[in-house]
Amino acid sequence: MYSILHQYLIQQKSLSLPGLGTLVLQNIPAISNFSAHVIEPPMQKITFDEFHDAPDKDLFLFVAARLQVEEWEAIKMVNDFSYELKNQLKQ
């Protein structure tokens, strides 16, 4: 499940997990500091928002297509994954 959710995050730039929150992938452009003679490369940053935890229907369709299961089964799998991950984080 981790690799499927990782693929979704990379493609959609956002991943909401029920009961946990939302991961957002942000692109930070290159920064040039001519006075210090430094050019910093572009980066990617992941931010976490614990208050928005409602996944889009696209997530369930993506998981269903990758695992070749029905949409309701994908919904159950994502919810179960989120529940187990939340329990692991509590421990």
PDB file of N, CA and C in Angstrom:
ATOM      1  N   MET A   1       0.827  -1.189   0.000  1.00  0.00           N
ATOM      2  CA  MET A   1       0.000   0.000   0.000  1.00  0.00           C
ATOM      3  C   MET A   1       0.876   1.259   0.000  1.00  0.00           C
ATOM      4  N   TYR A   2       2.043   1.180   0.672  1.00  0.00           N
ATOM      5  CA  TYR A   2       2.920   2.341   0.743  1.00  0.00           C
ATOM      6  C   TYR A   2       3.325   2.823  -0.651  1.00  0.00           C
ATOM      7  N   SER A   3       3.711   1.900  -1.528  1.00  0.00           N
ATOM      8  CA  SER A   3       4.178   2.307  -2.853  1.00  0.00           C
ATOM      9  C   SER A   3       3.048   2.900  -3.692  1.00  0.00           C
ATOM     10  N   ILE A   4       1.846   2.380  -3.539  1.00  0.00           N
ATOM     11  CA  ILE A   4       0.709   2.917  -4.291  1.00  0.00           C
ATOM     12  C   ILE A   4       0.398   4.332  -3.817  1.00  0.00           C
ATOM     13  N   LEU A   5       0.392   4.537  -2.511  1.00  0.00           N
ATOM     14  CA  LEU A   5       0.121   5.868  -1.980  1.00  0.00           C
ATOM     15  C   LEU A   5       1.247   6.841  -2.322  1.00  0.00           C
ATOM     16  N   HIS A   6       2.469   6.353  -2.366  1.00  0.00           N
ATOM     17  CA  HIS A   6       3.597   7.187  -2.773  1.00  0.00           C
ATOM     18  C   HIS A   6       3.434   7.629  -4.223  1.00  0.00           C
ATOM     19  N   GLN A   7       3.053   6.713  -5.090  1.00  0.00           N
ATOM     20  CA  GLN A   7       2.814   7.049  -6.496  1.00  0.00           C
ATOM     21  C   GLN A   7       1.721   8.108  -6.619  1.00  0.00           C
ATOM     22  N   TYR A   8       0.657   7.948  -5.848  1.00  0.00           N
ATOM     23  CA  TYR A   8      -0.447   8.902  -5.883  1.00  0.00           C
ATOM     24  C   TYR A   8       0.029  10.285  -5.411  1.00  0.00           C
ATOM     25  N   LEU A   9       0.803  10.330  -4.343  1.00  0.00           N
ATOM     26  CA  LEU A   9       1.325  11.593  -3.828  1.00  0.00           C
ATOM     27  C   LEU A   9       2.204  12.289  -4.865  1.00  0.00           C
ATOM     28  N   ILE A  10       3.065  11.552  -5.526  1.00  0.00           N
ATOM     29  CA  ILE A  10       3.954  12.132  -6.529  1.00  0.00           C
ATOM     30  C   ILE A  10       3.146  12.675  -7.707  1.00  0.00           C
ATOM     31  N   GLN A  11       2.135  11.942  -8.139  1.00  0.00           N
ATOM     32  CA  GLN A  11       1.352  12.370  -9.296  1.00  0.00           C
ATOM     33  C   GLN A  11       0.395  13.506  -8.973  1.00  0.00           C
ATOM     34  N   GLN A  12      -0.270  13.452  -7.830  1.00  0.00           N
ATOM     35  CA  GLN A  12      -1.314  14.422  -7.501  1.00  0.00           C
ATOM     36  C   GLN A  12      -0.817  15.579  -6.645  1.00  0.00           C
ATOM     37  N   LYS A  13       0.387  15.471  -6.083  1.00  0.00           N
ATOM     38  CA  LYS A  13       0.983  16.486  -5.212  1.00  0.00           C
ATOM     39  C   LYS A  13       0.250  16.640  -3.880  1.00  0.00           C
ATOM     40  N   SER A  14      -0.694  15.754  -3.591  1.00  0.00           N
ATOM     41  CA  SER A  14      -1.433  15.803  -2.332  1.00  0.00           C
ATOM     42  C   SER A  14      -2.008  14.422  -2.039  1.00  0.00           C
ATOM     43  N   LEU A  15      -2.001  14.046  -0.757  1.00  0.00           N
ATOM     44  CA  LEU A  15      -2.541  12.759  -0.344  1.00  0.00           C
ATOM     45  C   LEU A  15      -3.232  12.927   0.997  1.00  0.00           C
ATOM     46  N   SER A  16      -4.545  12.696   1.017  1.00  0.00           N
ATOM     47  CA  SER A  16      -5.318  12.767   2.251  1.00  0.00           C
ATOM     48  C   SER A  16      -5.630  11.363   2.733  1.00  0.00           C
ATOM     49  N   LEU A  17      -5.341  11.118   3.993  1.00  0.00           N
ATOM     50  CA  LEU A  17      -5.640   9.826   4.597  1.00  0.00           C
ATOM     51  C   LEU A  17      -6.679  10.029   5.689  1.00  0.00           C
ATOM     52  N   PRO A  18      -7.772   9.258   5.660  1.00  0.00           N
ATOM     53  CA  PRO A  18      -8.846   9.450   6.635  1.00  0.00           C
ATOM     54  C   PRO A  18      -8.363   9.232   8.066  1.00  0.00           C
ATOM     55  N   GLY A  19      -8.698  10.177   8.928  1.00  0.00           N
ATOM     56  CA  GLY A  19      -8.334  10.078  10.322  1.00  0.00           C
ATOM     57  C   GLY A  19      -6.920  10.514  10.648  1.00  0.00           C
ATOM     58  N   LEU A  20      -6.105  10.783   9.633  1.00  0.00           N
ATOM     59  CA  LEU A  20      -4.714  11.175   9.859  1.00  0.00           C
ATOM     60  C   LEU A  20      -4.445  12.612   9.439  1.00  0.00           C
ATOM     61  N   GLY A  21      -4.713  12.925   8.183  1.00  0.00           N
ATOM     62  CA  GLY A  21      -4.449  14.265   7.673  1.00  0.00           C
ATOM     63  C   GLY A  21      -4.038  14.223   6.217  1.00  0.00           C
ATOM     64  N   THR A  22      -3.465  15.334   5.756  1.00  0.00           N
ATOM     65  CA  THR A  22      -3.096  15.484   4.352  1.00  0.00           C
ATOM     66  C   THR A  22      -1.615  15.799   4.216  1.00  0.00           C
ATOM     67  N   LEU A  23      -0.960  15.082   3.325  1.00  0.00           N
ATOM     68  CA  LEU A  23       0.407  15.378   2.942  1.00  0.00           C
ATOM     69  C   LEU A  23       0.358  16.170   1.642  1.00  0.00           C
ATOM     70  N   VAL A  24       1.096  17.276   1.582  1.00  0.00           N
ATOM     71  CA  VAL A  24       1.128  18.111   0.382  1.00  0.00           C
ATOM     72  C   VAL A  24       2.574  18.242  -0.063  1.00  0.00           C
ATOM     73  N   LEU A  25       2.823  17.958  -1.335  1.00  0.00           N
ATOM     74  CA  LEU A  25       4.158  18.055  -1.911  1.00  0.00           C
ATOM     75  C   LEU A  25       4.300  19.429  -2.548  1.00  0.00           C
ATOM     76  N   GLN A  26       5.242  20.220  -2.043  1.00  0.00           N
ATOM     77  CA  GLN A  26       5.455  21.571  -2.547  1.00  0.00           C
ATOM     78  C   GLN A  26       6.800  21.653  -3.255  1.00  0.00           C
ATOM     79  N   ASN A  27       6.818  22.317  -4.405  1.00  0.00           N
ATOM     80  CA  ASN A  27       8.065  22.560  -5.127  1.00  0.00           C
ATOM     81  C   ASN A  27       8.589  23.937  -4.733  1.00  0.00           C
ATOM     82  N   ILE A  28       9.831  23.979  -4.299  1.00  0.00           N
ATOM     83  CA  ILE A  28      10.476  25.233  -3.932  1.00  0.00           C
ATOM     84  C   ILE A  28      11.502  25.545  -5.028  1.00  0.00           C
ATOM     85  N   PRO A  29      11.362  26.694  -5.682  1.00  0.00           N
ATOM     86  CA  PRO A  29      12.266  27.005  -6.799  1.00  0.00           C
ATOM     87  C   PRO A  29      13.698  27.283  -6.331  1.00  0.00           C
ATOM     88  N   ALA A  30      14.601  27.298  -7.279  1.00  0.00           N
ATOM     89  CA  ALA A  30      15.993  27.621  -6.982  1.00  0.00           C
ATOM     90  C   ALA A  30      16.082  29.050  -6.475  1.00  0.00           C
ATOM     91  N   ILE A  31      17.031  29.290  -5.570  1.00  0.00           N
ATOM     92  CA  ILE A  31      17.222  30.615  -4.977  1.00  0.00           C
ATOM     93  C   ILE A  31      18.645  31.073  -5.295  1.00  0.00           C
ATOM     94  N   SER A  32      18.731  32.276  -5.840  1.00  0.00           N
ATOM     95  CA  SER A  32      20.064  32.812  -6.132  1.00  0.00           C
ATOM     96  C   SER A  32      20.387  33.943  -5.159  1.00  0.00           C
ATOM     97  N   ASN A  33      21.536  33.824  -4.536  1.00  0.00           N
ATOM     98  CA  ASN A  33      22.024  34.834  -3.606  1.00  0.00           C
ATOM     99  C   ASN A  33      23.352  35.339  -4.172  1.00  0.00           C
ATOM    100  N   PHE A  34      23.246  36.395  -4.977  1.00  0.00           N
ATOM    101  CA  PHE A  34      24.437  36.875  -5.676  1.00  0.00           C
ATOM    102  C   PHE A  34      25.461  37.501  -4.734  1.00  0.00           C
ATOM    103  N   SER A  35      24.997  38.075  -3.641  1.00  0.00           N
ATOM    104  CA  SER A  35      25.953  38.699  -2.726  1.00  0.00           C
ATOM    105  C   SER A  35      26.843  37.650  -2.047  1.00  0.00           C
ATOM    106  N   ALA A  36      26.318  36.438  -1.828  1.00  0.00           N
ATOM    107  CA  ALA A  36      27.117  35.364  -1.220  1.00  0.00           C
ATOM    108  C   ALA A  36      27.682  34.418  -2.279  1.00  0.00           C
ATOM    109  N   HIS A  37      27.408  34.699  -3.553  1.00  0.00           N
ATOM    110  CA  HIS A  37      27.875  33.874  -4.669  1.00  0.00           C
ATOM    111  C   HIS A  37      27.386  32.424  -4.542  1.00  0.00           C
ATOM    112  N   VAL A  38      26.096  32.287  -4.193  1.00  0.00           N
ATOM    113  CA  VAL A  38      25.515  30.965  -3.969  1.00  0.00           C
ATOM    114  C   VAL A  38      24.213  30.848  -4.755  1.00  0.00           C
ATOM    115  N   ILE A  39      24.030  29.706  -5.388  1.00  0.00           N
ATOM    116  CA  ILE A  39      22.752  29.369  -6.007  1.00  0.00           C
ATOM    117  C   ILE A  39      22.292  28.067  -5.376  1.00  0.00           C
ATOM    118  N   GLU A  40      21.175  28.144  -4.670  1.00  0.00           N
ATOM    119  CA  GLU A  40      20.635  26.951  -4.025  1.00  0.00           C
ATOM    120  C   GLU A  40      19.715  26.236  -5.008  1.00  0.00           C
ATOM    121  N   PRO A  41      19.808  24.909  -5.079  1.00  0.00           N
ATOM    122  CA  PRO A  41      19.008  24.159  -6.052  1.00  0.00           C
ATOM    123  C   PRO A  41      17.528  24.120  -5.664  1.00  0.00           C
ATOM    124  N   PRO A  42      16.683  23.807  -6.651  1.00  0.00           N
ATOM    125  CA  PRO A  42      15.266  23.629  -6.310  1.00  0.00           C
ATOM    126  C   PRO A  42      15.092  22.417  -5.405  1.00  0.00           C
ATOM    127  N   MET A  43      14.042  22.459  -4.581  1.00  0.00           N
ATOM    128  CA  MET A  43      13.799  21.374  -3.639  1.00  0.00           C
ATOM    129  C   MET A  43      12.316  21.026  -3.629  1.00  0.00           C
ATOM    130  N   GLN A  44      12.022  19.888  -3.058  1.00  0.00           N
ATOM    131  CA  GLN A  44      10.644  19.512  -2.786  1.00  0.00           C
ATOM    132  C   GLN A  44      10.488  19.387  -1.283  1.00  0.00           C
ATOM    133  N   LYS A  45       9.351  19.871  -0.797  1.00  0.00           N
ATOM    134  CA  LYS A  45       9.088  19.862   0.629  1.00  0.00           C
ATOM    135  C   LYS A  45       7.711  19.243   0.847  1.00  0.00           C
ATOM    136  N   ILE A  46       7.602  18.395   1.848  1.00  0.00           N
ATOM    137  CA  ILE A  46       6.311  17.788   2.177  1.00  0.00           C
ATOM    138  C   ILE A  46       5.803  18.433   3.458  1.00  0.00           C
ATOM    139  N   THR A  47       4.583  18.967   3.394  1.00  0.00           N
ATOM    140  CA  THR A  47       3.955  19.536   4.575  1.00  0.00           C
ATOM    141  C   THR A  47       2.784  18.642   4.981  1.00  0.00           C
ATOM    142  N   PHE A  48       2.469  18.682   6.262  1.00  0.00           N
ATOM    143  CA  PHE A  48       1.405  17.846   6.811  1.00  0.00           C
ATOM    144  C   PHE A  48       0.342  18.732   7.437  1.00  0.00           C
ATOM    145  N   ASP A  49      -0.913  18.489   7.076  1.00  0.00           N
ATOM    146  CA  ASP A  49      -2.048  19.229   7.636  1.00  0.00           C
ATOM    147  C   ASP A  49      -2.976  18.220   8.297  1.00  0.00           C
ATOM    148  N   GLU A  50      -3.013  18.222   9.613  1.00  0.00           N
ATOM    149  CA  GLU A  50      -3.796  17.222  10.335  1.00  0.00           C
ATOM    150  C   GLU A  50      -5.290  17.518  10.344  1.00  0.00           C
ATOM    151  N   PHE A  51      -5.688  18.717   9.930  1.00  0.00           N
ATOM    152  CA  PHE A  51      -7.095  19.102  10.018  1.00  0.00           C
ATOM    153  C   PHE A  51      -7.910  18.727   8.779  1.00  0.00           C
ATOM    154  N   HIS A  52      -7.262  18.518   7.649  1.00  0.00           N
ATOM    155  CA  HIS A  52      -7.966  18.114   6.440  1.00  0.00           C
ATOM    156  C   HIS A  52      -7.655  16.640   6.179  1.00  0.00           C
ATOM    157  N   ASP A  53      -8.607  15.790   6.492  1.00  0.00           N
ATOM    158  CA  ASP A  53      -8.349  14.351   6.376  1.00  0.00           C
ATOM    159  C   ASP A  53      -9.408  13.632   5.546  1.00  0.00           C
ATOM    160  N   ALA A  54     -10.058  14.347   4.640  1.00  0.00           N
ATOM    161  CA  ALA A  54     -11.078  13.732   3.793  1.00  0.00           C
ATOM    162  C   ALA A  54     -10.482  13.470   2.407  1.00  0.00           C
ATOM    163  N   PRO A  55     -10.220  12.212   2.067  1.00  0.00           N
ATOM    164  CA  PRO A  55      -9.620  11.905   0.772  1.00  0.00           C
ATOM    165  C   PRO A  55     -10.589  12.147  -0.380  1.00  0.00           C
ATOM    166  N   ASP A  56     -10.019  12.455  -1.536  1.00  0.00           N
ATOM    167  CA  ASP A  56     -10.813  12.609  -2.747  1.00  0.00           C
ATOM    168  C   ASP A  56     -11.206  11.242  -3.277  1.00  0.00           C
ATOM    169  N   LYS A  57     -12.255  11.232  -4.071  1.00  0.00           N
ATOM    170  CA  LYS A  57     -12.691   9.981  -4.695  1.00  0.00           C
ATOM    171  C   LYS A  57     -11.610   9.458  -5.644  1.00  0.00           C
ATOM    172  N   ASP A  58     -10.800  10.382  -6.177  1.00  0.00           N
ATOM    173  CA  ASP A  58      -9.727   9.985  -7.090  1.00  0.00           C
ATOM    174  C   ASP A  58      -8.736   9.028  -6.428  1.00  0.00           C
ATOM    175  N   LEU A  59      -8.503   9.204  -5.136  1.00  0.00           N
ATOM    176  CA  LEU A  59      -7.595   8.305  -4.429  1.00  0.00           C
ATOM    177  C   LEU A  59      -8.117   6.880  -4.467  1.00  0.00           C
ATOM    178  N   PHE A  60      -9.388   6.715  -4.181  1.00  0.00           N
ATOM    179  CA  PHE A  60      -9.975   5.372  -4.164  1.00  0.00           C
ATOM    180  C   PHE A  60      -9.992   4.753  -5.556  1.00  0.00           C
ATOM    181  N   LEU A  61     -10.266   5.564  -6.570  1.00  0.00           N
ATOM    182  CA  LEU A  61     -10.241   5.067  -7.947  1.00  0.00           C
ATOM    183  C   LEU A  61      -8.826   4.663  -8.350  1.00  0.00           C
ATOM    184  N   PHE A  62      -7.835   5.437  -7.908  1.00  0.00           N
ATOM    185  CA  PHE A  62      -6.440   5.139  -8.208  1.00  0.00           C
ATOM    186  C   PHE A  62      -6.029   3.815  -7.571  1.00  0.00           C
ATOM    187  N   VAL A  63      -6.359   3.643  -6.298  1.00  0.00           N
ATOM    188  CA  VAL A  63      -6.013   2.405  -5.585  1.00  0.00           C
ATOM    189  C   VAL A  63      -6.740   1.215  -6.212  1.00  0.00           C
ATOM    190  N   ALA A  64      -8.001   1.397  -6.541  1.00  0.00           N
ATOM    191  CA  ALA A  64      -8.780   0.317  -7.156  1.00  0.00           C
ATOM    192  C   ALA A  64      -8.169  -0.100  -8.485  1.00  0.00           C
ATOM    193  N   ALA A  65      -7.743   0.867  -9.285  1.00  0.00           N
ATOM    194  CA  ALA A  65      -7.146   0.546 -10.581  1.00  0.00           C
ATOM    195  C   ALA A  65      -5.802  -0.151 -10.412  1.00  0.00           C
ATOM    196  N   ARG A  66      -4.988   0.313  -9.475  1.00  0.00           N
ATOM    197  CA  ARG A  66      -3.665  -0.296  -9.268  1.00  0.00           C
ATOM    198  C   ARG A  66      -3.763  -1.725  -8.745  1.00  0.00           C
ATOM    199  N   LEU A  67      -4.708  -1.957  -7.849  1.00  0.00           N
ATOM    200  CA  LEU A  67      -4.841  -3.290  -7.250  1.00  0.00           C
ATOM    201  C   LEU A  67      -5.863  -4.168  -7.965  1.00  0.00           C
ATOM    202  N   GLN A  68      -6.527  -3.594  -8.964  1.00  0.00           N
ATOM    203  CA  GLN A  68      -7.548  -4.301  -9.747  1.00  0.00           C
ATOM    204  C   GLN A  68      -8.638  -4.876  -8.849  1.00  0.00           C
ATOM    205  N   VAL A  69      -9.215  -3.987  -8.040  1.00  0.00           N
ATOM    206  CA  VAL A  69     -10.311  -4.354  -7.151  1.00  0.00           C
ATOM    207  C   VAL A  69     -11.451  -3.362  -7.362  1.00  0.00           C
ATOM    208  N   GLU A  70     -12.583  -3.659  -6.768  1.00  0.00           N
ATOM    209  CA  GLU A  70     -13.731  -2.747  -6.837  1.00  0.00           C
ATOM    210  C   GLU A  70     -13.460  -1.501  -5.994  1.00  0.00           C
ATOM    211  N   GLU A  71     -14.175  -0.423  -6.305  1.00  0.00           N
ATOM    212  CA  GLU A  71     -13.966   0.833  -5.597  1.00  0.00           C
ATOM    213  C   GLU A  71     -14.280   0.709  -4.100  1.00  0.00           C
ATOM    214  N   TRP A  72     -15.351   0.001  -3.742  1.00  0.00           N
ATOM    215  CA  TRP A  72     -15.715  -0.146  -2.330  1.00  0.00           C
ATOM    216  C   TRP A  72     -14.630  -0.890  -1.570  1.00  0.00           C
ATOM    217  N   GLU A  73     -13.985  -1.847  -2.249  1.00  0.00           N
ATOM    218  CA  GLU A  73     -12.902  -2.600  -1.616  1.00  0.00           C
ATOM    219  C   GLU A  73     -11.671  -1.710  -1.418  1.00  0.00           C
ATOM    220  N   ALA A  74     -11.410  -0.828  -2.382  1.00  0.00           N
ATOM    221  CA  ALA A  74     -10.299   0.112  -2.262  1.00  0.00           C
ATOM    222  C   ALA A  74     -10.549   1.086  -1.116  1.00  0.00           C
ATOM    223  N   ILE A  75     -11.789   1.534  -0.957  1.00  0.00           N
ATOM    224  CA  ILE A  75     -12.140   2.425   0.150  1.00  0.00           C
ATOM    225  C   ILE A  75     -11.847   1.740   1.480  1.00  0.00           C
ATOM    226  N   LYS A  76     -12.253   0.476   1.583  1.00  0.00           N
ATOM    227  CA  LYS A  76     -12.016  -0.286   2.814  1.00  0.00           C
ATOM    228  C   LYS A  76     -10.516  -0.459   3.066  1.00  0.00           C
ATOM    229  N   MET A  77      -9.752  -0.737   2.015  1.00  0.00           N
ATOM    230  CA  MET A  77      -8.321  -0.943   2.164  1.00  0.00           C
ATOM    231  C   MET A  77      -7.611   0.338   2.625  1.00  0.00           C
ATOM    232  N   VAL A  78      -7.990   1.474   2.054  1.00  0.00           N
ATOM    233  CA  VAL A  78      -7.376   2.743   2.448  1.00  0.00           C
ATOM    234  C   VAL A  78      -7.748   3.082   3.887  1.00  0.00           C
ATOM    235  N   ASN A  79      -9.005   2.885   4.245  1.00  0.00           N
ATOM    236  CA  ASN A  79      -9.438   3.151   5.622  1.00  0.00           C
ATOM    237  C   ASN A  79      -8.734   2.240   6.619  1.00  0.00           C
ATOM    238  N   ASP A  80      -8.618   0.953   6.291  1.00  0.00           N
ATOM    239  CA  ASP A  80      -7.914   0.015   7.163  1.00  0.00           C
ATOM    240  C   ASP A  80      -6.438   0.387   7.298  1.00  0.00           C
ATOM    241  N   PHE A  81      -5.819   0.772   6.185  1.00  0.00           N
ATOM    242  CA  PHE A  81      -4.422   1.188   6.214  1.00  0.00           C
ATOM    243  C   PHE A  81      -4.239   2.407   7.119  1.00  0.00           C
ATOM    244  N   SER A  82      -5.120   3.387   6.972  1.00  0.00           N
ATOM    245  CA  SER A  82      -5.041   4.603   7.793  1.00  0.00           C
ATOM    246  C   SER A  82      -5.224   4.284   9.270  1.00  0.00           C
ATOM    247  N   TYR A  83      -6.165   3.403   9.582  1.00  0.00           N
ATOM    248  CA  TYR A  83      -6.420   3.019  10.970  1.00  0.00           C
ATOM    249  C   TYR A  83      -5.196   2.326  11.580  1.00  0.00           C
ATOM    250  N   GLU A  84      -4.601   1.400  10.818  1.00  0.00           N
ATOM    251  CA  GLU A  84      -3.422   0.688  11.319  1.00  0.00           C
ATOM    252  C   GLU A  84      -2.229   1.629  11.479  1.00  0.00           C
ATOM    253  N   LEU A  85      -2.051   2.549  10.538  1.00  0.00           N
ATOM    254  CA  LEU A  85      -0.957   3.502  10.607  1.00  0.00           C
ATOM    255  C   LEU A  85      -1.134   4.433  11.800  1.00  0.00           C
ATOM    256  N   LYS A  86      -2.357   4.844  12.053  1.00  0.00           N
ATOM    257  CA  LYS A  86      -2.625   5.712  13.207  1.00  0.00           C
ATOM    258  C   LYS A  86      -2.313   4.975  14.514  1.00  0.00           C
ATOM    259  N   ASN A  87      -2.656   3.706  14.590  1.00  0.00           N
ATOM    260  CA  ASN A  87      -2.340   2.916  15.785  1.00  0.00           C
ATOM    261  C   ASN A  87      -0.834   2.751  15.966  1.00  0.00           C
ATOM    262  N   GLN A  88      -0.117   2.535  14.870  1.00  0.00           N
ATOM    263  CA  GLN A  88       1.338   2.408  14.943  1.00  0.00           C
ATOM    264  C   GLN A  88       1.974   3.714  15.397  1.00  0.00           C
ATOM    265  N   LEU A  89       1.437   4.835  14.935  1.00  0.00           N
ATOM    266  CA  LEU A  89       1.989   6.135  15.332  1.00  0.00           C
ATOM    267  C   LEU A  89       1.731   6.415  16.811  1.00  0.00           C
ATOM    268  N   LYS A  90       0.599   5.945  17.326  1.00  0.00           N
ATOM    269  CA  LYS A  90       0.299   6.143  18.751  1.00  0.00           C
ATOM    270  C   LYS A  90       1.271   5.377  19.631  1.00  0.00           C
ATOM    271  N   GLN A  91       1.694   4.197  19.167  1.00  0.00           N
ATOM    272  CA  GLN A  91       2.615   3.375  19.948  1.00  0.00           C
ATOM    273  C   GLN A  91       3.995   3.985  19.880  1.00  0.00           C
TER     274      GLN A  91
END
